[in-house]
C-alpha cells in the first residue's frame, strides 16, 4: 500500500483492537482492575459514565482514534527512516505513547487514579502497549510501500 496515512491508520487500529482484546482477557482473568477502553472513555467522561453503553461507545471511538494516530505517526517515521529495525521503532512508539498517554495525560486529568496504586494492572497495560507497537510496526513494514521522492526528479 502506497498511502502512508492509510497503512498507518489500518496498522494503528489493528494494534489497538488486539491491545483491547488482551486488556479484556486480563480483566476477565482478574489480573487487571481497569481496561484500556475504560481509561479511554474516562478521558472524555466522568467515571460514573464509563461503564454505560454510551461510555463503552465513547471509549471505543477514543481508543481507536488514539491508536490510529499512533499508527500514522509510526508509518511516517518508517517512511522517513526506513523499515530496518521496524520492531524497535514500534517499541519506541509504544514507549512514547505509554509515557505521554498513561504517564502524563492520565495523571494530569486524574483519570483512573486506581492504576497508580496497582502495579500489576500498570505492568499489564505496559505489555499491551508493547504488543500494540510491535503489531502496528509489523503491519506497516510488511504492507507499506514507501518510495523516496525528490523535488527535482521527473
N, C-alpha and C. Protein backbone atom coordinates (compact mmCIF):
# COMPACT_ATOMS: atom_id res chain seq x y z
N UNK A 1 0.85 -1.17 0.00
CA UNK A 1 0.00 0.00 0.00
C UNK A 1 0.90 1.24 0.00
N UNK A 2 0.66 2.12 -0.94
CA UNK A 2 1.50 3.31 -1.09
C UNK A 2 1.03 4.48 -0.23
N UNK A 3 -0.19 4.43 0.24
CA UNK A 3 -0.75 5.54 1.02
C UNK A 3 -0.30 5.42 2.48
N UNK A 4 0.60 6.28 2.89
CA UNK A 4 1.19 6.23 4.23
C UNK A 4 0.13 6.44 5.32
N UNK A 5 -0.75 7.39 5.09
CA UNK A 5 -1.79 7.68 6.07
C UNK A 5 -2.71 6.47 6.27
N UNK A 6 -3.08 5.83 5.18
CA UNK A 6 -3.99 4.69 5.27
C UNK A 6 -3.34 3.50 5.95
N UNK A 7 -2.12 3.16 5.56
CA UNK A 7 -1.48 2.00 6.19
C UNK A 7 -1.22 2.27 7.67
N UNK A 8 -0.89 3.50 8.00
CA UNK A 8 -0.71 3.84 9.42
C UNK A 8 -2.00 3.72 10.20
N UNK A 9 -3.09 4.17 9.60
CA UNK A 9 -4.41 4.08 10.25
C UNK A 9 -4.81 2.62 10.44
N UNK A 10 -4.65 1.83 9.39
CA UNK A 10 -5.00 0.41 9.49
C UNK A 10 -4.15 -0.29 10.54
N UNK A 11 -2.86 -0.03 10.52
CA UNK A 11 -1.95 -0.66 11.49
C UNK A 11 -2.28 -0.23 12.91
N UNK A 12 -2.52 1.06 13.11
CA UNK A 12 -2.83 1.56 14.45
C UNK A 12 -4.14 1.01 14.99
N UNK A 13 -5.14 0.94 14.13
CA UNK A 13 -6.43 0.39 14.55
C UNK A 13 -6.30 -1.11 14.84
N UNK A 14 -5.57 -1.82 14.00
CA UNK A 14 -5.35 -3.26 14.25
C UNK A 14 -4.64 -3.49 15.57
N UNK A 15 -3.59 -2.73 15.80
CA UNK A 15 -2.86 -2.84 17.06
C UNK A 15 -3.73 -2.51 18.26
N UNK A 16 -4.58 -1.51 18.10
CA UNK A 16 -5.48 -1.10 19.18
C UNK A 16 -6.51 -2.18 19.49
N UNK A 17 -7.04 -2.81 18.45
CA UNK A 17 -8.01 -3.89 18.66
C UNK A 17 -7.37 -5.04 19.44
N UNK A 18 -6.19 -5.44 19.03
CA UNK A 18 -5.50 -6.52 19.75
C UNK A 18 -5.17 -6.08 21.17
N UNK A 19 -4.73 -4.84 21.32
CA UNK A 19 -4.43 -4.30 22.65
C UNK A 19 -5.65 -4.39 23.56
N UNK A 20 -6.80 -4.01 23.03
CA UNK A 20 -8.00 -4.06 23.86
C UNK A 20 -8.46 -5.49 24.13
N UNK A 21 -8.34 -6.36 23.15
CA UNK A 21 -8.71 -7.76 23.39
C UNK A 21 -7.85 -8.36 24.51
N UNK A 22 -6.57 -8.06 24.50
CA UNK A 22 -5.70 -8.50 25.60
C UNK A 22 -6.16 -7.92 26.93
N UNK A 23 -6.51 -6.65 26.90
CA UNK A 23 -6.98 -5.99 28.11
C UNK A 23 -8.23 -6.66 28.66
N UNK A 24 -9.14 -7.06 27.77
CA UNK A 24 -10.36 -7.75 28.19
C UNK A 24 -10.03 -9.12 28.78
N UNK A 25 -9.06 -9.80 28.19
CA UNK A 25 -8.64 -11.11 28.73
C UNK A 25 -8.08 -10.92 30.13
N UNK A 26 -7.18 -9.95 30.30
CA UNK A 26 -6.58 -9.71 31.63
C UNK A 26 -7.67 -9.37 32.64
N UNK A 27 -8.64 -8.57 32.23
CA UNK A 27 -9.73 -8.17 33.14
C UNK A 27 -10.59 -9.38 33.50
N UNK A 28 -10.93 -10.20 32.51
CA UNK A 28 -11.78 -11.36 32.79
C UNK A 28 -11.07 -12.39 33.67
N UNK A 29 -9.75 -12.43 33.61
CA UNK A 29 -8.98 -13.33 34.48
C UNK A 29 -8.72 -12.72 35.86
N UNK A 30 -9.15 -11.48 36.05
CA UNK A 30 -8.96 -10.81 37.33
C UNK A 30 -7.56 -10.28 37.55
N UNK A 31 -6.77 -10.20 36.49
CA UNK A 31 -5.38 -9.74 36.62
C UNK A 31 -5.31 -8.22 36.71
N UNK A 32 -6.18 -7.53 35.94
CA UNK A 32 -6.18 -6.07 35.97
C UNK A 32 -7.51 -5.56 36.51
N UNK A 33 -7.49 -4.33 36.97
CA UNK A 33 -8.69 -3.73 37.57
C UNK A 33 -9.46 -2.84 36.59
N UNK A 34 -8.78 -2.35 35.55
CA UNK A 34 -9.38 -1.40 34.61
C UNK A 34 -8.83 -1.67 33.21
N UNK A 35 -9.71 -1.65 32.22
CA UNK A 35 -9.26 -1.93 30.85
C UNK A 35 -8.81 -0.65 30.15
N UNK A 36 -8.11 -0.84 29.04
CA UNK A 36 -7.68 0.32 28.25
C UNK A 36 -8.88 1.07 27.70
N UNK A 37 -9.95 0.37 27.40
CA UNK A 37 -11.16 1.01 26.90
C UNK A 37 -11.77 1.91 27.97
N UNK A 38 -11.77 1.45 29.22
CA UNK A 38 -12.29 2.28 30.31
C UNK A 38 -11.44 3.53 30.50
N UNK A 39 -10.14 3.38 30.40
CA UNK A 39 -9.25 4.54 30.52
C UNK A 39 -9.54 5.53 29.39
N UNK A 40 -9.71 5.02 28.17
CA UNK A 40 -10.01 5.89 27.03
C UNK A 40 -11.33 6.62 27.20
N UNK A 41 -12.35 5.93 27.68
CA UNK A 41 -13.64 6.57 27.90
C UNK A 41 -13.54 7.65 28.97
N UNK A 42 -12.73 7.39 29.98
CA UNK A 42 -12.58 8.34 31.09
C UNK A 42 -11.87 9.62 30.69
N UNK A 43 -11.25 9.64 29.52
CA UNK A 43 -10.63 10.87 29.04
C UNK A 43 -11.70 11.93 28.80
N UNK A 44 -12.86 11.50 28.32
CA UNK A 44 -13.94 12.44 28.00
C UNK A 44 -15.13 12.39 28.93
N UNK A 45 -15.27 11.31 29.70
CA UNK A 45 -16.45 11.14 30.54
C UNK A 45 -16.08 11.03 32.01
N UNK A 46 -17.03 11.32 32.86
CA UNK A 46 -16.82 11.08 34.29
C UNK A 46 -16.85 9.58 34.52
N UNK A 47 -16.25 9.14 35.62
CA UNK A 47 -16.16 7.71 35.88
C UNK A 47 -17.54 7.06 35.98
N UNK A 48 -18.54 7.78 36.44
CA UNK A 48 -19.88 7.21 36.56
C UNK A 48 -20.49 6.87 35.19
N UNK A 49 -19.97 7.46 34.13
CA UNK A 49 -20.48 7.21 32.78
C UNK A 49 -19.67 6.17 32.01
N UNK A 50 -18.48 5.85 32.48
CA UNK A 50 -17.56 4.97 31.74
C UNK A 50 -18.15 3.60 31.47
N UNK A 51 -18.84 3.02 32.43
CA UNK A 51 -19.34 1.65 32.30
C UNK A 51 -20.77 1.55 31.79
N UNK A 52 -21.24 2.61 31.14
CA UNK A 52 -22.56 2.60 30.49
C UNK A 52 -22.38 2.27 29.01
N UNK A 53 -23.46 2.05 28.31
CA UNK A 53 -23.37 1.78 26.87
C UNK A 53 -22.74 2.97 26.14
N UNK A 54 -23.10 4.19 26.57
CA UNK A 54 -22.53 5.38 25.94
C UNK A 54 -21.04 5.48 26.26
N UNK A 55 -20.70 5.15 27.48
CA UNK A 55 -19.29 5.15 27.86
C UNK A 55 -18.49 4.14 27.06
N UNK A 56 -19.07 2.99 26.83
CA UNK A 56 -18.42 1.96 26.03
C UNK A 56 -18.18 2.46 24.61
N UNK A 57 -19.22 3.08 24.01
CA UNK A 57 -19.08 3.60 22.65
C UNK A 57 -18.06 4.73 22.57
N UNK A 58 -18.09 5.63 23.54
CA UNK A 58 -17.10 6.71 23.58
C UNK A 58 -15.69 6.13 23.73
N UNK A 59 -15.56 5.15 24.60
CA UNK A 59 -14.27 4.50 24.82
C UNK A 59 -13.73 3.86 23.55
N UNK A 60 -14.59 3.19 22.80
CA UNK A 60 -14.17 2.56 21.54
C UNK A 60 -13.67 3.62 20.57
N UNK A 61 -14.45 4.66 20.39
CA UNK A 61 -14.08 5.71 19.44
C UNK A 61 -12.77 6.38 19.85
N UNK A 62 -12.66 6.78 21.11
CA UNK A 62 -11.44 7.45 21.57
C UNK A 62 -10.24 6.53 21.45
N UNK A 63 -10.40 5.28 21.83
CA UNK A 63 -9.30 4.32 21.78
C UNK A 63 -8.84 4.10 20.34
N UNK A 64 -9.77 3.95 19.42
CA UNK A 64 -9.41 3.75 18.01
C UNK A 64 -8.76 4.99 17.40
N UNK A 65 -9.23 6.17 17.77
CA UNK A 65 -8.64 7.41 17.26
C UNK A 65 -7.20 7.56 17.75
N UNK A 66 -6.99 7.32 19.02
CA UNK A 66 -5.63 7.40 19.58
C UNK A 66 -4.72 6.36 18.93
N UNK A 67 -5.21 5.15 18.80
CA UNK A 67 -4.42 4.09 18.17
C UNK A 67 -4.10 4.39 16.72
N UNK A 68 -5.09 4.90 15.98
CA UNK A 68 -4.86 5.26 14.58
C UNK A 68 -3.83 6.37 14.47
N UNK A 69 -3.92 7.36 15.34
CA UNK A 69 -2.94 8.46 15.32
C UNK A 69 -1.53 7.95 15.57
N UNK A 70 -1.39 7.03 16.51
CA UNK A 70 -0.08 6.44 16.76
C UNK A 70 0.43 5.65 15.56
N UNK A 71 -0.46 4.93 14.90
CA UNK A 71 -0.09 4.18 13.70
C UNK A 71 0.36 5.09 12.57
N UNK A 72 -0.33 6.21 12.40
CA UNK A 72 0.05 7.17 11.36
C UNK A 72 1.42 7.78 11.69
N UNK A 73 1.62 8.14 12.94
CA UNK A 73 2.92 8.66 13.36
C UNK A 73 4.03 7.65 13.05
N UNK A 74 3.79 6.41 13.37
CA UNK A 74 4.78 5.36 13.12
C UNK A 74 4.99 5.14 11.62
N UNK A 75 3.93 5.18 10.83
CA UNK A 75 4.07 4.99 9.39
C UNK A 75 4.97 6.08 8.78
N UNK A 76 4.78 7.31 9.20
CA UNK A 76 5.62 8.39 8.68
C UNK A 76 7.06 8.26 9.19
N UNK A 77 7.22 7.80 10.41
CA UNK A 77 8.57 7.56 10.93
C UNK A 77 9.27 6.49 10.10
N UNK A 78 8.57 5.41 9.80
CA UNK A 78 9.17 4.35 8.99
C UNK A 78 9.42 4.82 7.56
N UNK A 79 8.55 5.65 7.05
CA UNK A 79 8.74 6.19 5.70
C UNK A 79 10.01 7.04 5.66
N UNK A 80 10.22 7.84 6.69
CA UNK A 80 11.37 8.74 6.72
C UNK A 80 12.68 8.02 7.09
N UNK A 81 12.59 7.06 7.97
CA UNK A 81 13.82 6.43 8.48
C UNK A 81 14.11 5.06 7.91
N UNK A 82 13.15 4.47 7.22
CA UNK A 82 13.34 3.15 6.65
C UNK A 82 12.70 2.07 7.51
N UNK A 83 12.53 0.90 6.91
CA UNK A 83 11.86 -0.20 7.59
C UNK A 83 12.79 -1.08 8.40
N UNK A 84 14.10 -0.87 8.27
CA UNK A 84 15.01 -1.68 9.06
C UNK A 84 14.76 -1.44 10.55
N UNK A 85 14.83 -2.49 11.31
CA UNK A 85 14.54 -2.44 12.75
C UNK A 85 13.16 -1.85 13.04
N UNK A 86 12.20 -2.18 12.17
CA UNK A 86 10.84 -1.67 12.35
C UNK A 86 10.29 -2.01 13.73
N UNK A 87 10.62 -3.18 14.25
CA UNK A 87 10.12 -3.62 15.55
C UNK A 87 10.63 -2.71 16.67
N UNK A 88 11.87 -2.25 16.54
CA UNK A 88 12.44 -1.35 17.55
C UNK A 88 11.74 0.02 17.49
N UNK A 89 11.44 0.46 16.29
CA UNK A 89 10.72 1.72 16.12
C UNK A 89 9.29 1.58 16.67
N UNK A 90 8.70 0.40 16.51
CA UNK A 90 7.38 0.14 17.08
C UNK A 90 7.41 0.16 18.60
N UNK A 91 8.48 -0.40 19.17
CA UNK A 91 8.64 -0.35 20.63
C UNK A 91 8.85 1.08 21.11
N UNK A 92 9.58 1.87 20.32
CA UNK A 92 9.79 3.28 20.67
C UNK A 92 8.46 4.02 20.67
N UNK A 93 7.62 3.76 19.66
CA UNK A 93 6.30 4.38 19.62
C UNK A 93 5.48 3.96 20.84
N UNK A 94 5.52 2.67 21.15
CA UNK A 94 4.76 2.16 22.30
C UNK A 94 5.22 2.85 23.59
N UNK A 95 6.52 3.00 23.74
CA UNK A 95 7.04 3.68 24.92
C UNK A 95 6.63 5.13 24.97
N UNK A 96 6.68 5.80 23.82
CA UNK A 96 6.26 7.20 23.74
C UNK A 96 4.79 7.35 24.11
N UNK A 97 3.94 6.49 23.53
CA UNK A 97 2.51 6.58 23.81
C UNK A 97 2.20 6.22 25.26
N UNK A 98 2.94 5.26 25.80
CA UNK A 98 2.75 4.87 27.20
C UNK A 98 3.10 6.04 28.12
N UNK A 99 4.23 6.66 27.88
CA UNK A 99 4.65 7.77 28.74
C UNK A 99 3.75 8.99 28.59
N UNK A 100 3.43 9.34 27.36
CA UNK A 100 2.57 10.51 27.14
C UNK A 100 1.13 10.23 27.58
N UNK A 101 0.60 9.10 27.13
CA UNK A 101 -0.80 8.78 27.44
C UNK A 101 -1.02 8.41 28.89
N UNK A 102 -0.40 7.32 29.30
CA UNK A 102 -0.64 6.81 30.65
C UNK A 102 0.16 7.58 31.70
N UNK A 103 1.33 8.02 31.33
CA UNK A 103 2.18 8.69 32.31
C UNK A 103 1.87 10.15 32.51
N UNK A 104 1.44 10.83 31.45
CA UNK A 104 1.22 12.27 31.56
C UNK A 104 -0.26 12.63 31.52
N UNK A 105 -0.93 12.30 30.42
CA UNK A 105 -2.32 12.72 30.25
C UNK A 105 -3.23 12.12 31.32
N UNK A 106 -3.10 10.82 31.56
CA UNK A 106 -3.93 10.17 32.57
C UNK A 106 -3.69 10.78 33.95
N UNK A 107 -2.45 11.11 34.23
CA UNK A 107 -2.12 11.72 35.54
C UNK A 107 -2.61 13.16 35.63
N UNK A 108 -2.39 13.95 34.57
CA UNK A 108 -2.81 15.35 34.59
C UNK A 108 -4.33 15.48 34.71
N UNK A 109 -5.05 14.62 33.99
CA UNK A 109 -6.51 14.68 34.02
C UNK A 109 -7.12 13.90 35.19
N UNK A 110 -6.23 13.27 35.97
CA UNK A 110 -6.66 12.48 37.12
C UNK A 110 -7.66 11.38 36.73
N UNK A 111 -7.34 10.73 35.61
CA UNK A 111 -8.16 9.62 35.11
C UNK A 111 -7.64 8.34 35.75
N UNK A 112 -8.53 7.50 36.18
CA UNK A 112 -8.19 6.17 36.70
C UNK A 112 -7.08 6.21 37.74
N UNK A 113 -7.28 6.94 38.83
CA UNK A 113 -6.22 7.02 39.84
C UNK A 113 -5.90 5.67 40.48
N UNK A 114 -6.83 4.71 40.37
CA UNK A 114 -6.60 3.39 40.93
C UNK A 114 -5.42 2.68 40.28
N UNK A 115 -5.09 3.06 39.04
CA UNK A 115 -3.96 2.41 38.36
C UNK A 115 -2.64 2.74 39.04
N UNK A 116 -2.53 3.92 39.59
CA UNK A 116 -1.28 4.33 40.24
C UNK A 116 -0.95 3.45 41.44
N UNK A 117 -1.97 2.86 42.04
CA UNK A 117 -1.78 2.02 43.22
C UNK A 117 -1.80 0.53 42.90
N UNK A 118 -1.82 0.18 41.63
CA UNK A 118 -1.89 -1.22 41.24
C UNK A 118 -0.80 -1.53 40.22
N UNK A 119 0.33 -2.00 40.71
CA UNK A 119 1.48 -2.27 39.86
C UNK A 119 1.22 -3.33 38.81
N UNK A 120 0.43 -4.36 39.14
CA UNK A 120 0.16 -5.42 38.18
C UNK A 120 -0.68 -4.91 37.02
N UNK A 121 -1.69 -4.10 37.30
CA UNK A 121 -2.50 -3.52 36.23
C UNK A 121 -1.63 -2.66 35.33
N UNK A 122 -0.79 -1.84 35.92
CA UNK A 122 0.10 -0.98 35.14
C UNK A 122 1.07 -1.81 34.30
N UNK A 123 1.60 -2.87 34.87
CA UNK A 123 2.51 -3.75 34.13
C UNK A 123 1.81 -4.39 32.94
N UNK A 124 0.60 -4.85 33.12
CA UNK A 124 -0.13 -5.49 32.03
C UNK A 124 -0.51 -4.48 30.95
N UNK A 125 -0.82 -3.25 31.33
CA UNK A 125 -1.08 -2.20 30.34
C UNK A 125 0.19 -1.89 29.56
N UNK A 126 1.32 -1.92 30.23
CA UNK A 126 2.60 -1.72 29.55
C UNK A 126 2.84 -2.83 28.53
N UNK A 127 2.56 -4.05 28.91
CA UNK A 127 2.67 -5.18 27.98
C UNK A 127 1.73 -4.99 26.78
N UNK A 128 0.53 -4.51 27.02
CA UNK A 128 -0.41 -4.24 25.94
C UNK A 128 0.16 -3.22 24.96
N UNK A 129 0.81 -2.19 25.48
CA UNK A 129 1.43 -1.18 24.62
C UNK A 129 2.55 -1.79 23.78
N UNK A 130 3.31 -2.69 24.37
CA UNK A 130 4.38 -3.37 23.63
C UNK A 130 3.78 -4.16 22.46
N UNK A 131 2.71 -4.89 22.72
CA UNK A 131 2.05 -5.66 21.66
C UNK A 131 1.52 -4.72 20.58
N UNK A 132 0.91 -3.62 20.99
CA UNK A 132 0.41 -2.62 20.04
C UNK A 132 1.55 -2.11 19.15
N UNK A 133 2.66 -1.73 19.73
CA UNK A 133 3.78 -1.20 18.96
C UNK A 133 4.37 -2.21 18.01
N UNK A 134 4.54 -3.44 18.48
CA UNK A 134 5.11 -4.49 17.63
C UNK A 134 4.18 -4.84 16.48
N UNK A 135 2.89 -5.01 16.77
CA UNK A 135 1.95 -5.37 15.72
C UNK A 135 1.80 -4.24 14.70
N UNK A 136 1.65 -3.03 15.18
CA UNK A 136 1.49 -1.88 14.27
C UNK A 136 2.71 -1.74 13.36
N UNK A 137 3.89 -1.85 13.93
CA UNK A 137 5.10 -1.69 13.12
C UNK A 137 5.25 -2.84 12.12
N UNK A 138 4.86 -4.04 12.52
CA UNK A 138 4.92 -5.18 11.60
C UNK A 138 4.00 -4.96 10.40
N UNK A 139 2.78 -4.54 10.66
CA UNK A 139 1.82 -4.31 9.57
C UNK A 139 2.33 -3.24 8.62
N UNK A 140 2.85 -2.16 9.17
CA UNK A 140 3.36 -1.08 8.32
C UNK A 140 4.56 -1.56 7.50
N UNK A 141 5.48 -2.26 8.15
CA UNK A 141 6.68 -2.73 7.45
C UNK A 141 6.32 -3.74 6.36
N UNK A 142 5.36 -4.59 6.64
CA UNK A 142 5.01 -5.65 5.68
C UNK A 142 4.18 -5.11 4.51
N UNK A 143 3.25 -4.25 4.76
CA UNK A 143 2.31 -3.83 3.74
C UNK A 143 2.51 -2.41 3.21
N UNK A 144 3.30 -1.60 3.90
CA UNK A 144 3.55 -0.24 3.44
C UNK A 144 4.60 -0.23 2.33
N UNK A 145 4.31 0.48 1.27
CA UNK A 145 5.26 0.62 0.16
C UNK A 145 5.63 2.09 0.06
N UNK A 146 6.82 2.38 0.53
CA UNK A 146 7.27 3.77 0.58
C UNK A 146 8.28 4.01 -0.51
N UNK A 147 8.10 5.09 -1.23
CA UNK A 147 9.08 5.46 -2.25
C UNK A 147 9.69 6.80 -1.86
N UNK A 148 10.96 6.91 -2.15
CA UNK A 148 11.66 8.17 -1.88
C UNK A 148 11.44 9.07 -3.10
N UNK A 149 10.86 10.22 -2.85
CA UNK A 149 10.67 11.14 -3.96
C UNK A 149 11.59 12.34 -3.77
N UNK A 150 12.07 12.85 -4.87
CA UNK A 150 12.92 14.05 -4.80
C UNK A 150 12.19 15.18 -5.49
N UNK A 151 12.48 16.38 -5.09
CA UNK A 151 11.79 17.55 -5.62
C UNK A 151 12.02 17.74 -7.12
N UNK A 152 13.24 17.57 -7.56
CA UNK A 152 13.60 17.92 -8.94
C UNK A 152 13.57 16.73 -9.89
N UNK A 153 13.16 15.57 -9.43
CA UNK A 153 13.14 14.41 -10.34
C UNK A 153 11.90 14.42 -11.21
N UNK A 154 12.05 13.89 -12.42
CA UNK A 154 10.91 13.84 -13.34
C UNK A 154 10.62 12.44 -13.75
